Protein backbone atom coordinates (compact mmCIF):
# COMPACT_ATOMS: atom_id res chain seq x y z
CA MET A 1 -22.76 13.33 81.71
CA SER A 2 -23.71 9.63 81.82
CA ALA A 3 -20.21 8.56 82.92
CA LEU A 4 -20.50 10.99 85.81
CA ILE A 5 -23.88 9.53 86.83
CA ILE A 6 -22.40 6.02 86.71
CA LEU A 7 -19.56 7.09 89.03
CA PHE A 8 -22.04 8.56 91.48
CA ASN A 9 -24.18 5.42 91.41
CA GLU A 10 -21.14 3.22 92.07
CA ALA A 11 -20.36 5.32 95.14
CA GLY A 12 -23.94 5.04 96.39
CA MET A 13 -24.52 8.71 95.74
CA ASN A 14 -26.95 10.85 93.78
CA PHE A 15 -25.69 13.72 91.62
CA LYS A 16 -28.72 15.94 92.27
CA LYS A 17 -28.73 15.26 96.01
CA ASP A 18 -25.04 15.09 96.92
CA VAL A 19 -23.54 17.93 94.84
CA PRO A 20 -24.01 21.31 96.55
CA HIS A 21 -22.87 23.44 93.57
CA LEU A 22 -21.41 23.37 90.06
CA ILE A 23 -18.92 25.59 88.31
CA VAL A 24 -19.04 25.36 84.51
CA TYR A 25 -16.18 26.80 82.46
CA LEU A 26 -16.97 27.77 78.85
CA ARG A 27 -14.29 28.23 76.26
CA ASP A 28 -16.70 30.16 74.03
CA VAL A 29 -19.46 32.38 75.46
CA ALA A 30 -21.56 31.56 72.38
CA ASP A 31 -22.20 28.15 74.02
CA TYR A 32 -23.78 29.70 77.11
CA GLN A 33 -27.43 29.25 76.16
CA VAL A 34 -26.94 25.66 74.97
CA VAL A 35 -25.23 24.73 78.24
CA ARG A 36 -27.86 26.58 80.31
CA ASP A 37 -30.67 24.81 78.44
CA TYR A 38 -28.99 21.41 78.91
CA LEU A 39 -28.61 21.95 82.65
CA SER A 40 -32.26 23.00 82.85
CA GLU A 41 -33.36 19.91 80.89
CA MET A 42 -31.53 17.69 83.33
CA ALA A 43 -33.66 19.30 86.06
CA PHE A 44 -30.61 20.44 87.97
CA GLU A 45 -31.68 22.55 90.88
CA ILE A 46 -28.06 22.77 91.94
CA PRO A 47 -26.70 26.32 92.24
CA THR A 48 -24.54 26.79 89.15
CA VAL A 49 -22.03 29.40 88.09
CA ILE A 50 -21.13 29.54 84.39
CA VAL A 51 -17.97 31.45 83.56
CA HIS A 52 -15.99 32.26 80.42
CA ALA A 53 -12.56 30.76 81.02
CA PRO A 54 -9.91 28.48 79.51
CA VAL A 55 -10.64 24.78 79.83
CA CYS A 56 -8.23 22.00 80.72
CA ARG A 57 -7.88 20.38 77.30
CA PRO A 58 -7.78 22.24 73.97
CA GLU A 59 -10.37 19.93 72.37
CA TRP A 60 -12.92 20.49 75.15
CA LEU A 61 -15.66 23.09 74.80
CA ILE A 62 -16.71 23.09 78.44
CA GLU A 63 -15.41 21.82 81.74
CA MET A 64 -17.46 21.23 84.90
CA GLU A 65 -16.21 21.28 88.46
CA CYS A 66 -18.14 20.00 91.43
CA ILE A 67 -17.66 18.64 94.91
CA ALA A 68 -19.82 15.81 96.18
CA LEU A 69 -20.52 15.24 99.84
CA LYS A 70 -21.22 11.78 101.20
CA ASN A 71 -22.59 11.39 104.69
CA THR A 72 -20.69 8.58 106.38
CA VAL A 73 -20.08 7.58 109.97
CA ASP A 74 -16.69 6.39 111.16
CA LYS A 75 -16.92 5.30 114.80
CA ARG A 76 -13.23 6.07 115.29
CA PHE A 77 -14.08 9.79 115.23
CA ALA A 78 -16.46 11.91 117.27
CA GLU A 79 -19.64 12.96 115.49
CA PHE A 80 -20.24 16.64 114.82
């Protein structure tokens, strides 16, 4: 997770503030409680869905998907 936090910091963003939701894919449902506990330890108050599904790489146990939103103003476009 630390590499993810570094990426957010470099973009001037905050993981807890700028990510509206997470989707976590588990290869093995036996890992559910460990993953749930880890997310709780990190004090994530982000709505999270944990599903049993294939992951991208065979050596991975879990995969996380998120979208981050950054509030920016570009004067070339009308504000909403």
